[in-house]
């Protein structure tokens, strides 16, 4: 427990000032943690050659620097970078065709990993540029949902949610996390960010709370598939970057899709 608390304090001391500062400082922070997250995802596969990993980190960096942006309310991706990433992912098939160290499954795993994380980590930057309070609101949804789900499940949990993926999660914990996480986050948005249609705000927050728990389960399924407990041990007691950001990654994707309607 002590190690877990120390890791959390260190993470907060590093991340909170950079989130508050925003701008180039926050973008650089996203660049670094995204590379660490991509490394975790590629290491999970276990069959991606080292030099290809380094090229993938460079491609991810290009996406963060100038690859994804908002045009009005529409999300836009640099197609040239997407095509370049596809070529880089497929080219090693020619180099390793004899010893089968790298196959078509590896190629598309690499491609999807780079593009997926490039998009979602760019969303951190985009939402932070919209408003500091918006990104706090989204983190509050996932943090409160996870916290209430954990303690609610520990106290009242009887029925397993998806035991084959995450044995400790319960239906009761899911419901308590959804209810109280939605309540706390809705109150924050209403009183801090500004008045809005309360019914729509509650619906949006509840949907994002559910999506956050779904994201947690998706990444748990990936770990289960590759027989991993955590993606890494970069944060002792907490696991890796993706272990900490699994929920918010999915929340960001859905939020940026729905925000235009609110």
Protein backbone atom coordinates (compact mmCIF):
# COMPACT_ATOMS: atom_id res chain seq x y z
CA UNK A 1 0.00 0.00 0.00
CA UNK A 2 2.83 2.39 0.87
CA UNK A 3 4.47 1.82 -2.51
CA UNK A 4 1.13 2.41 -4.24
CA UNK A 5 0.62 5.72 -2.41
CA UNK A 6 4.17 6.91 -3.15
CA UNK A 7 3.75 6.09 -6.86
CA UNK A 8 0.44 7.97 -6.98
CA UNK A 9 1.91 11.04 -5.27
CA UNK A 10 4.88 11.13 -7.66
CA UNK A 11 2.57 10.75 -10.67
CA UNK A 12 0.36 13.60 -9.44
CA UNK A 13 3.34 15.88 -8.73
CA UNK A 14 4.51 15.39 -12.32
CA UNK A 15 1.19 15.42 -14.18
CA UNK A 16 -0.93 18.02 -12.37
CA UNK A 17 1.38 21.03 -12.98
CA UNK A 18 1.72 20.09 -16.66
CA UNK A 19 -2.05 19.73 -17.07
CA UNK A 20 -2.53 23.12 -15.42
CA UNK A 21 0.12 24.76 -17.60
CA UNK A 22 -1.27 23.31 -20.82
CA UNK A 23 0.21 24.42 -24.13
CA UNK A 24 3.56 23.05 -25.28
CA UNK A 25 4.35 21.67 -21.81
CA UNK A 26 1.26 19.49 -21.75
CA UNK A 27 1.79 18.45 -25.37
CA UNK A 28 5.32 17.29 -24.57
CA UNK A 29 3.96 15.39 -21.57
CA UNK A 30 1.40 13.65 -23.78
CA UNK A 31 4.17 12.85 -26.26
CA UNK A 32 6.23 11.12 -23.57
CA UNK A 33 3.45 9.15 -21.87
CA UNK A 34 2.08 8.15 -25.26
CA UNK A 35 5.41 6.65 -26.30
CA UNK A 36 5.50 4.75 -23.01
CA UNK A 37 1.94 3.55 -23.61
CA UNK A 38 2.79 2.46 -27.16
CA UNK A 39 5.83 0.59 -25.87
CA UNK A 40 3.59 -1.26 -23.41
CA UNK A 41 1.14 -2.24 -26.12
CA UNK A 42 3.89 -3.44 -28.48
CA UNK A 43 5.71 -5.29 -25.69
CA UNK A 44 2.47 -7.10 -24.90
CA UNK A 45 2.52 -8.64 -28.38
CA UNK A 46 6.07 -9.82 -27.84
CA UNK A 47 6.95 -10.36 -31.51
CA UNK A 48 7.58 -6.84 -32.82
CA UNK A 49 11.29 -6.36 -33.71
CA UNK A 50 13.05 -3.71 -31.63
CA UNK A 51 14.04 -1.44 -34.50
CA UNK A 52 10.44 -1.40 -35.75
CA UNK A 53 9.35 -0.31 -32.29
CA UNK A 54 11.69 2.67 -32.48
CA UNK A 55 10.29 3.65 -35.88
CA UNK A 56 6.78 3.37 -34.44
CA UNK A 57 7.71 5.79 -31.63
CA UNK A 58 8.86 8.27 -34.27
CA UNK A 59 5.60 7.90 -36.21
CA UNK A 60 3.60 8.39 -33.02
CA UNK A 61 5.61 11.56 -32.32
CA UNK A 62 4.77 12.93 -35.76
CA UNK A 63 1.08 12.30 -35.12
CA UNK A 64 1.27 14.21 -31.83
CA UNK A 65 3.23 17.11 -33.32
CA UNK A 66 1.17 17.69 -36.43
CA UNK A 67 -1.01 14.77 -37.33
CA UNK A 68 -4.42 15.23 -35.74
CA UNK A 69 -6.47 18.37 -35.29
CA UNK A 70 -9.93 19.88 -35.17
CA UNK A 71 -11.41 21.70 -38.15
CA UNK A 72 -14.42 23.49 -36.71
CA UNK A 73 -16.23 20.71 -34.85
CA UNK A 74 -14.86 17.95 -37.04
CA UNK A 75 -11.98 15.69 -36.08
CA UNK A 76 -9.31 15.38 -38.78
CA UNK A 77 -6.37 12.99 -39.22
CA UNK A 78 -3.37 13.51 -41.47
CA UNK A 79 -3.94 10.81 -44.11
CA UNK A 80 -0.30 10.97 -45.25
CA UNK A 81 0.84 9.84 -41.81
CA UNK A 82 -1.75 7.07 -41.74
CA UNK A 83 -0.54 5.73 -45.10
CA UNK A 84 3.10 6.05 -44.04
CA UNK A 85 2.32 4.07 -40.89
CA UNK A 86 0.65 1.36 -42.96
CA UNK A 87 3.69 1.09 -45.24
CA UNK A 88 6.09 0.94 -42.29
CA UNK A 89 3.95 -1.79 -40.72
CA UNK A 90 3.82 -3.92 -43.89
CA UNK A 91 7.40 -3.49 -45.14
CA UNK A 92 9.03 -5.81 -42.53
CA UNK A 93 6.97 -8.70 -43.96
CA UNK A 94 9.46 -8.74 -46.84
CA UNK A 95 12.48 -8.70 -44.53
CA UNK A 96 11.29 -11.49 -42.24
CA UNK A 97 9.40 -13.67 -44.72
CA UNK A 98 11.82 -16.57 -44.36
CA UNK A 99 12.13 -16.95 -40.58
CA UNK A 100 8.54 -15.84 -39.85
CA UNK A 101 9.59 -13.59 -36.96
CA UNK A 102 7.10 -11.01 -38.18
CA UNK A 103 3.81 -11.91 -39.84
CA UNK A 104 0.67 -10.22 -41.15
CA UNK A 105 -0.94 -10.34 -37.71
CA UNK A 106 2.04 -8.45 -36.28
CA UNK A 107 1.83 -5.91 -39.11
CA UNK A 108 -1.79 -4.99 -38.48
CA UNK A 109 -1.33 -5.10 -34.71
CA UNK A 110 1.52 -2.59 -35.11
CA UNK A 111 -0.49 -0.39 -37.49
CA UNK A 112 -3.60 -0.33 -35.33
CA UNK A 113 -1.58 0.28 -32.14
CA UNK A 114 0.21 3.32 -33.58
CA UNK A 115 -2.89 4.90 -35.12
CA UNK A 116 -5.14 4.10 -32.15
CA UNK A 117 -2.84 5.56 -29.50
CA UNK A 118 -1.87 8.51 -31.72
CA UNK A 119 -5.53 9.45 -32.04
CA UNK A 120 -6.52 8.99 -28.41
CA UNK A 121 -3.48 10.73 -26.94
CA UNK A 122 -4.04 13.63 -29.30
CA UNK A 123 -7.51 13.88 -27.80
CA UNK A 124 -5.91 14.76 -24.48
CA UNK A 125 -4.30 17.76 -26.15
CA UNK A 126 -7.45 18.76 -28.04
CA UNK A 127 -9.71 18.62 -24.96
CA UNK A 128 -7.12 20.46 -22.83
CA UNK A 129 -7.04 23.23 -25.43
CA UNK A 130 -10.84 23.43 -25.26
CA UNK A 131 -10.86 23.94 -21.50
CA UNK A 132 -8.89 22.95 -18.41
CA UNK A 133 -12.15 22.27 -16.60
CA UNK A 134 -13.35 19.93 -19.35
CA UNK A 135 -10.38 17.62 -18.98
CA UNK A 136 -10.78 17.73 -15.19
CA UNK A 137 -14.45 16.78 -15.67
CA UNK A 138 -13.52 13.77 -17.81
CA UNK A 139 -10.84 12.58 -15.40
CA UNK A 140 -13.30 13.08 -12.56
CA UNK A 141 -15.80 10.77 -14.27
CA UNK A 142 -13.30 7.92 -14.58
CA UNK A 143 -11.69 8.48 -11.18
CA UNK A 144 -14.96 8.70 -9.25
CA UNK A 145 -16.52 5.82 -11.18
CA UNK A 146 -13.51 3.56 -10.57
CA UNK A 147 -13.24 4.55 -6.92
CA UNK A 148 -16.91 4.07 -6.08
CA UNK A 149 -17.03 0.86 -8.13
CA UNK A 150 -14.06 -0.54 -6.21
CA UNK A 151 -15.34 0.27 -2.73
CA UNK A 152 -18.96 -0.49 -3.62
CA UNK A 153 -17.99 -3.82 -5.12
CA UNK A 154 -15.80 -4.66 -2.12
CA UNK A 155 -18.65 -3.93 0.28
CA UNK A 156 -21.75 -5.10 -1.60
CA UNK A 157 -20.45 -7.11 -4.57
CA UNK A 158 -21.97 -10.57 -4.99
CA UNK A 159 -22.54 -11.06 -8.72
CA UNK A 160 -19.51 -11.16 -11.01
CA UNK A 161 -19.66 -8.82 -14.02
CA UNK A 162 -17.31 -10.54 -16.48
CA UNK A 163 -15.26 -13.05 -14.48
CA UNK A 164 -13.44 -14.42 -17.52
CA UNK A 165 -11.97 -10.97 -18.17
CA UNK A 166 -11.84 -9.25 -14.78
CA UNK A 167 -12.65 -11.62 -11.89
CA UNK A 168 -12.86 -8.89 -9.23
CA UNK A 169 -15.45 -6.66 -10.91
CA UNK A 170 -19.06 -7.06 -9.84
CA UNK A 171 -22.45 -5.94 -11.12
CA UNK A 172 -23.06 -4.14 -7.84
CA UNK A 173 -19.74 -2.30 -8.09
CA UNK A 174 -20.54 -1.34 -11.67
CA UNK A 175 -23.93 0.10 -10.65
CA UNK A 176 -22.57 1.98 -7.62
CA UNK A 177 -19.68 3.40 -9.64
CA UNK A 178 -22.06 4.48 -12.40
CA UNK A 179 -24.52 6.13 -10.00
CA UNK A 180 -22.15 7.98 -7.68
CA UNK A 181 -19.56 8.73 -10.37
CA UNK A 182 -22.27 10.31 -12.51
CA UNK A 183 -23.62 12.31 -9.56
CA UNK A 184 -20.27 13.80 -8.48
CA UNK A 185 -19.12 14.57 -12.03
CA UNK A 186 -22.46 16.12 -13.03
CA UNK A 187 -22.35 18.42 -10.01
CA UNK A 188 -18.81 19.48 -10.90
CA UNK A 189 -19.76 20.30 -14.48
CA UNK A 190 -22.93 22.16 -13.50
CA UNK A 191 -21.39 24.37 -10.82
CA UNK A 192 -17.86 24.83 -12.21
CA UNK A 193 -18.11 24.76 -16.00
CA UNK A 194 -21.51 26.37 -16.31
CA UNK A 195 -25.25 25.94 -16.51
CA UNK A 196 -26.53 23.59 -19.16
CA UNK A 197 -29.46 21.29 -19.81
CA UNK A 198 -29.35 19.14 -16.68
CA UNK A 199 -31.07 16.12 -18.23
CA UNK A 200 -28.67 16.03 -21.19
CA UNK A 201 -25.72 16.56 -18.85
CA UNK A 202 -26.76 13.61 -16.67
CA UNK A 203 -27.22 11.41 -19.74
CA UNK A 204 -23.82 12.42 -21.16
CA UNK A 205 -22.04 11.84 -17.85
CA UNK A 206 -23.74 8.47 -17.31
CA UNK A 207 -22.83 7.34 -20.83
CA UNK A 208 -19.20 8.36 -20.28
CA UNK A 209 -19.15 6.57 -16.93
CA UNK A 210 -20.33 3.36 -18.61
CA UNK A 211 -17.85 3.83 -21.45
CA UNK A 212 -15.02 4.28 -18.94
CA UNK A 213 -15.82 0.97 -17.28
CA UNK A 214 -16.08 -0.62 -20.74
CA UNK A 215 -12.60 0.71 -21.59
CA UNK A 216 -11.22 -0.80 -18.41
CA UNK A 217 -12.64 -4.19 -19.42
CA UNK A 218 -11.30 -3.93 -22.99
CA UNK A 219 -7.74 -3.39 -21.79
CA UNK A 220 -8.22 -6.14 -19.19
CA UNK A 221 -9.20 -8.45 -22.07
CA UNK A 222 -5.99 -7.53 -23.92
CA UNK A 223 -3.92 -8.33 -20.83
CA UNK A 224 -5.81 -11.56 -20.31
CA UNK A 225 -5.18 -12.56 -23.94
CA UNK A 226 -1.43 -12.01 -23.60
CA UNK A 227 -1.33 -13.47 -20.06
CA UNK A 228 -0.24 -10.21 -18.41
CA UNK A 229 -1.10 -8.92 -14.95
CA UNK A 230 -0.13 -5.34 -15.86
CA UNK A 231 1.12 -3.67 -19.01
CA UNK A 232 4.31 -2.65 -17.18
CA UNK A 233 5.59 -1.73 -13.73
CA UNK A 234 6.47 1.89 -14.45
CA UNK A 235 4.20 2.90 -11.55
CA UNK A 236 4.83 0.33 -8.80
CA UNK A 237 1.56 -0.76 -7.25
CA UNK A 238 -0.45 0.66 -10.16
CA UNK A 239 1.02 -1.01 -13.22
CA UNK A 240 1.70 0.79 -16.47
CA UNK A 241 0.53 3.86 -18.34
CA UNK A 242 -2.27 1.95 -20.05
CA UNK A 243 -3.36 0.41 -16.74
CA UNK A 244 -3.95 3.93 -15.41
CA UNK A 245 -5.43 5.48 -18.54
CA UNK A 246 -7.57 2.63 -19.88
CA UNK A 247 -10.88 4.23 -18.85
CA UNK A 248 -10.11 7.83 -19.85
CA UNK A 249 -8.92 6.72 -23.30
CA UNK A 250 -12.39 5.41 -24.18
CA UNK A 251 -14.13 8.31 -22.44
CA UNK A 252 -12.19 10.79 -24.59
CA UNK A 253 -13.14 9.00 -27.81
CA UNK A 254 -16.85 9.04 -27.01
CA UNK A 255 -16.79 12.56 -25.57
CA UNK A 256 -15.19 14.10 -28.66
CA UNK A 257 -17.81 12.31 -30.77
CA UNK A 258 -20.80 13.48 -28.70
CA UNK A 259 -19.73 16.96 -27.60
CA UNK A 260 -21.02 18.62 -30.77
CA UNK A 261 -24.54 17.62 -29.78
CA UNK A 262 -24.37 19.27 -26.36
